[in-house]
């Protein structure tokens, strides 16, 4: 078993208005994906250490969330 494990959970974009540079992630699906990852890693003997949102600008000054980086540590 590895001491640490890193997962990236990508968020789906449901609203995208190009002219106003509006991007909206599907928060419900992202929450379900994160919950599934937490449960799967707990079953494998890992606990969550940190969570980091990953954002992007895509040629504009309006960032939007691409997803979430989860770092897990093995439970010994």
N, C-alpha and C. Protein backbone atom coordinates (compact mmCIF):
# COMPACT_ATOMS: atom_id res chain seq x y z
N UNK A 1 0.85 -1.18 0.00
CA UNK A 1 0.00 0.00 0.00
C UNK A 1 0.90 1.24 0.00
N UNK A 2 0.57 2.19 -0.84
CA UNK A 2 1.30 3.45 -0.92
C UNK A 2 0.98 4.29 0.31
N UNK A 3 1.95 5.10 0.75
CA UNK A 3 1.74 5.95 1.93
C UNK A 3 0.72 7.06 1.64
N UNK A 4 0.76 7.61 0.42
CA UNK A 4 -0.17 8.67 0.03
C UNK A 4 -0.77 8.37 -1.33
N UNK A 5 -1.95 8.89 -1.58
CA UNK A 5 -2.63 8.72 -2.87
C UNK A 5 -3.29 10.04 -3.22
N UNK A 6 -3.14 10.45 -4.48
CA UNK A 6 -3.73 11.71 -4.95
C UNK A 6 -4.75 11.42 -6.04
N UNK A 7 -5.92 12.03 -5.93
CA UNK A 7 -6.98 11.88 -6.92
C UNK A 7 -7.44 13.26 -7.39
N UNK A 8 -7.75 13.36 -8.68
CA UNK A 8 -8.34 14.57 -9.22
C UNK A 8 -9.76 14.24 -9.65
N UNK A 9 -10.74 14.96 -9.11
CA UNK A 9 -12.13 14.77 -9.46
C UNK A 9 -12.54 15.96 -10.33
N UNK A 10 -12.81 15.70 -11.60
CA UNK A 10 -13.18 16.76 -12.54
C UNK A 10 -14.65 17.15 -12.37
N UNK A 11 -14.92 18.46 -12.45
CA UNK A 11 -16.30 18.93 -12.37
C UNK A 11 -16.83 19.17 -13.78
N UNK A 12 -18.07 18.77 -14.00
CA UNK A 12 -18.72 19.00 -15.29
C UNK A 12 -19.23 20.44 -15.33
N UNK A 13 -19.12 21.07 -16.49
CA UNK A 13 -19.64 22.42 -16.67
C UNK A 13 -21.05 22.32 -17.24
N UNK A 14 -22.02 22.91 -16.56
CA UNK A 14 -23.41 22.85 -17.01
C UNK A 14 -23.88 24.16 -17.63
N UNK A 15 -23.30 25.28 -17.24
CA UNK A 15 -23.68 26.56 -17.80
C UNK A 15 -22.42 27.22 -18.37
N UNK A 16 -22.48 27.59 -19.62
CA UNK A 16 -21.32 28.20 -20.25
C UNK A 16 -21.82 29.32 -21.17
N UNK A 17 -21.65 30.54 -20.73
CA UNK A 17 -22.03 31.71 -21.52
C UNK A 17 -20.75 32.38 -21.99
N UNK A 18 -20.42 32.19 -23.25
CA UNK A 18 -19.14 32.64 -23.78
C UNK A 18 -19.00 34.15 -23.73
N UNK A 19 -20.02 34.87 -24.10
CA UNK A 19 -19.90 36.33 -24.14
C UNK A 19 -19.69 36.94 -22.76
N UNK A 20 -20.33 36.40 -21.75
CA UNK A 20 -20.16 36.95 -20.40
C UNK A 20 -19.10 36.18 -19.60
N UNK A 21 -18.46 35.17 -20.24
CA UNK A 21 -17.42 34.36 -19.59
C UNK A 21 -17.93 33.72 -18.30
N UNK A 22 -19.14 33.18 -18.33
CA UNK A 22 -19.74 32.54 -17.16
C UNK A 22 -19.65 31.03 -17.30
N UNK A 23 -19.03 30.40 -16.34
CA UNK A 23 -18.91 28.95 -16.30
C UNK A 23 -19.43 28.48 -14.95
N UNK A 24 -20.33 27.50 -14.96
CA UNK A 24 -20.89 27.00 -13.71
C UNK A 24 -20.72 25.49 -13.65
N UNK A 25 -20.01 25.01 -12.62
CA UNK A 25 -19.86 23.56 -12.48
C UNK A 25 -21.15 22.92 -11.98
N UNK A 26 -21.31 21.65 -12.30
CA UNK A 26 -22.45 20.87 -11.80
C UNK A 26 -22.10 20.45 -10.37
N UNK A 27 -22.50 21.25 -9.41
CA UNK A 27 -22.15 21.02 -8.00
C UNK A 27 -22.69 19.72 -7.44
N UNK A 28 -23.90 19.33 -7.85
CA UNK A 28 -24.48 18.09 -7.35
C UNK A 28 -23.66 16.87 -7.79
N UNK A 29 -23.28 16.86 -9.07
CA UNK A 29 -22.50 15.74 -9.58
C UNK A 29 -21.11 15.72 -8.96
N UNK A 30 -20.50 16.90 -8.79
CA UNK A 30 -19.19 16.97 -8.16
C UNK A 30 -19.24 16.44 -6.74
N UNK A 31 -20.29 16.78 -5.99
CA UNK A 31 -20.45 16.29 -4.62
C UNK A 31 -20.58 14.77 -4.59
N UNK A 32 -21.35 14.21 -5.53
CA UNK A 32 -21.50 12.75 -5.60
C UNK A 32 -20.18 12.07 -5.95
N UNK A 33 -19.43 12.67 -6.88
CA UNK A 33 -18.14 12.10 -7.27
C UNK A 33 -17.13 12.13 -6.12
N UNK A 34 -17.12 13.24 -5.38
CA UNK A 34 -16.22 13.35 -4.22
C UNK A 34 -16.62 12.35 -3.15
N UNK A 35 -17.91 12.23 -2.87
CA UNK A 35 -18.39 11.27 -1.87
C UNK A 35 -18.01 9.85 -2.25
N UNK A 36 -18.16 9.50 -3.52
CA UNK A 36 -17.80 8.16 -3.98
C UNK A 36 -16.31 7.91 -3.81
N UNK A 37 -15.48 8.92 -4.11
CA UNK A 37 -14.03 8.78 -3.94
C UNK A 37 -13.67 8.61 -2.47
N UNK A 38 -14.31 9.38 -1.60
CA UNK A 38 -14.04 9.27 -0.16
C UNK A 38 -14.38 7.87 0.36
N UNK A 39 -15.53 7.36 -0.05
CA UNK A 39 -15.95 6.04 0.42
C UNK A 39 -15.04 4.94 -0.14
N UNK A 40 -14.66 5.06 -1.41
CA UNK A 40 -13.80 4.06 -2.03
C UNK A 40 -12.43 4.02 -1.36
N UNK A 41 -11.87 5.20 -1.10
CA UNK A 41 -10.54 5.24 -0.48
C UNK A 41 -10.59 4.81 0.98
N UNK A 42 -11.67 5.09 1.68
CA UNK A 42 -11.82 4.62 3.06
C UNK A 42 -11.85 3.09 3.09
N UNK A 43 -12.55 2.49 2.12
CA UNK A 43 -12.59 1.02 2.03
C UNK A 43 -11.22 0.43 1.75
N UNK A 44 -10.36 1.21 1.08
CA UNK A 44 -9.01 0.74 0.75
C UNK A 44 -7.99 1.05 1.85
N UNK A 45 -8.45 1.71 2.93
CA UNK A 45 -7.57 1.98 4.06
C UNK A 45 -6.88 3.33 4.02
N UNK A 46 -7.51 4.31 3.36
CA UNK A 46 -6.95 5.66 3.29
C UNK A 46 -7.88 6.65 3.94
N UNK A 47 -7.29 7.72 4.50
CA UNK A 47 -8.09 8.82 5.05
C UNK A 47 -7.72 10.12 4.34
N UNK A 48 -8.69 11.02 4.21
CA UNK A 48 -8.48 12.28 3.52
C UNK A 48 -7.58 13.18 4.34
N UNK A 49 -6.56 13.76 3.68
CA UNK A 49 -5.64 14.67 4.34
C UNK A 49 -5.95 16.12 3.96
N UNK A 50 -6.12 16.35 2.67
CA UNK A 50 -6.37 17.71 2.21
C UNK A 50 -7.19 17.73 0.93
N UNK A 51 -7.89 18.84 0.72
CA UNK A 51 -8.69 19.06 -0.47
C UNK A 51 -8.32 20.42 -1.06
N UNK A 52 -8.10 20.47 -2.37
CA UNK A 52 -7.72 21.72 -3.03
C UNK A 52 -8.56 21.92 -4.29
N UNK A 53 -9.28 23.04 -4.39
CA UNK A 53 -10.00 23.30 -5.63
C UNK A 53 -9.02 23.70 -6.73
N UNK A 54 -9.25 23.24 -7.94
CA UNK A 54 -8.41 23.58 -9.08
C UNK A 54 -9.23 24.47 -10.00
N UNK A 55 -8.72 25.67 -10.28
CA UNK A 55 -9.44 26.63 -11.10
C UNK A 55 -8.65 26.96 -12.36
N UNK A 56 -9.34 27.46 -13.38
CA UNK A 56 -8.71 27.85 -14.64
C UNK A 56 -9.30 29.16 -15.13
N UNK A 57 -8.54 29.88 -15.95
CA UNK A 57 -9.01 31.15 -16.48
C UNK A 57 -9.43 31.07 -17.94
N UNK A 58 -8.81 30.25 -18.73
CA UNK A 58 -9.13 30.11 -20.16
C UNK A 58 -9.24 31.46 -20.86
N UNK A 59 -8.17 32.19 -20.91
CA UNK A 59 -8.06 33.46 -21.63
C UNK A 59 -9.01 34.53 -21.13
N UNK A 60 -9.39 34.46 -19.90
CA UNK A 60 -10.23 35.52 -19.33
C UNK A 60 -9.82 35.74 -17.89
N UNK A 61 -10.34 36.77 -17.32
CA UNK A 61 -10.01 37.05 -15.92
C UNK A 61 -11.05 36.45 -14.98
N UNK A 62 -11.99 35.63 -15.51
CA UNK A 62 -13.02 35.01 -14.70
C UNK A 62 -12.72 33.53 -14.49
N UNK A 63 -12.18 33.17 -13.33
CA UNK A 63 -11.85 31.75 -13.12
C UNK A 63 -13.10 30.90 -12.90
N UNK A 64 -12.96 29.62 -13.19
CA UNK A 64 -14.02 28.67 -12.87
C UNK A 64 -13.38 27.38 -12.38
N UNK A 65 -14.12 26.63 -11.63
CA UNK A 65 -13.60 25.42 -11.01
C UNK A 65 -13.55 24.29 -12.02
N UNK A 66 -12.34 23.74 -12.20
CA UNK A 66 -12.16 22.57 -13.06
C UNK A 66 -12.45 21.28 -12.31
N UNK A 67 -12.16 21.30 -11.02
CA UNK A 67 -12.36 20.11 -10.21
C UNK A 67 -11.73 20.27 -8.84
N UNK A 68 -11.50 19.12 -8.18
CA UNK A 68 -10.97 19.11 -6.82
C UNK A 68 -9.86 18.07 -6.73
N UNK A 69 -8.74 18.45 -6.13
CA UNK A 69 -7.64 17.54 -5.88
C UNK A 69 -7.78 17.02 -4.45
N UNK A 70 -7.81 15.70 -4.30
CA UNK A 70 -7.93 15.06 -2.98
C UNK A 70 -6.64 14.29 -2.69
N UNK A 71 -6.08 14.50 -1.52
CA UNK A 71 -4.89 13.78 -1.10
C UNK A 71 -5.24 12.93 0.11
N UNK A 72 -4.95 11.64 -0.01
CA UNK A 72 -5.25 10.67 1.03
C UNK A 72 -3.97 10.11 1.62
N UNK A 73 -4.03 9.71 2.89
CA UNK A 73 -2.91 9.08 3.58
C UNK A 73 -3.36 7.69 4.05
N UNK A 74 -2.46 6.74 3.92
CA UNK A 74 -2.76 5.38 4.34
C UNK A 74 -2.92 5.34 5.86
N UNK A 75 -3.91 4.61 6.32
CA UNK A 75 -4.13 4.41 7.77
C UNK A 75 -3.32 3.19 8.17
N UNK A 76 -2.42 3.40 9.12
CA UNK A 76 -1.58 2.27 9.57
C UNK A 76 -2.04 1.72 10.89
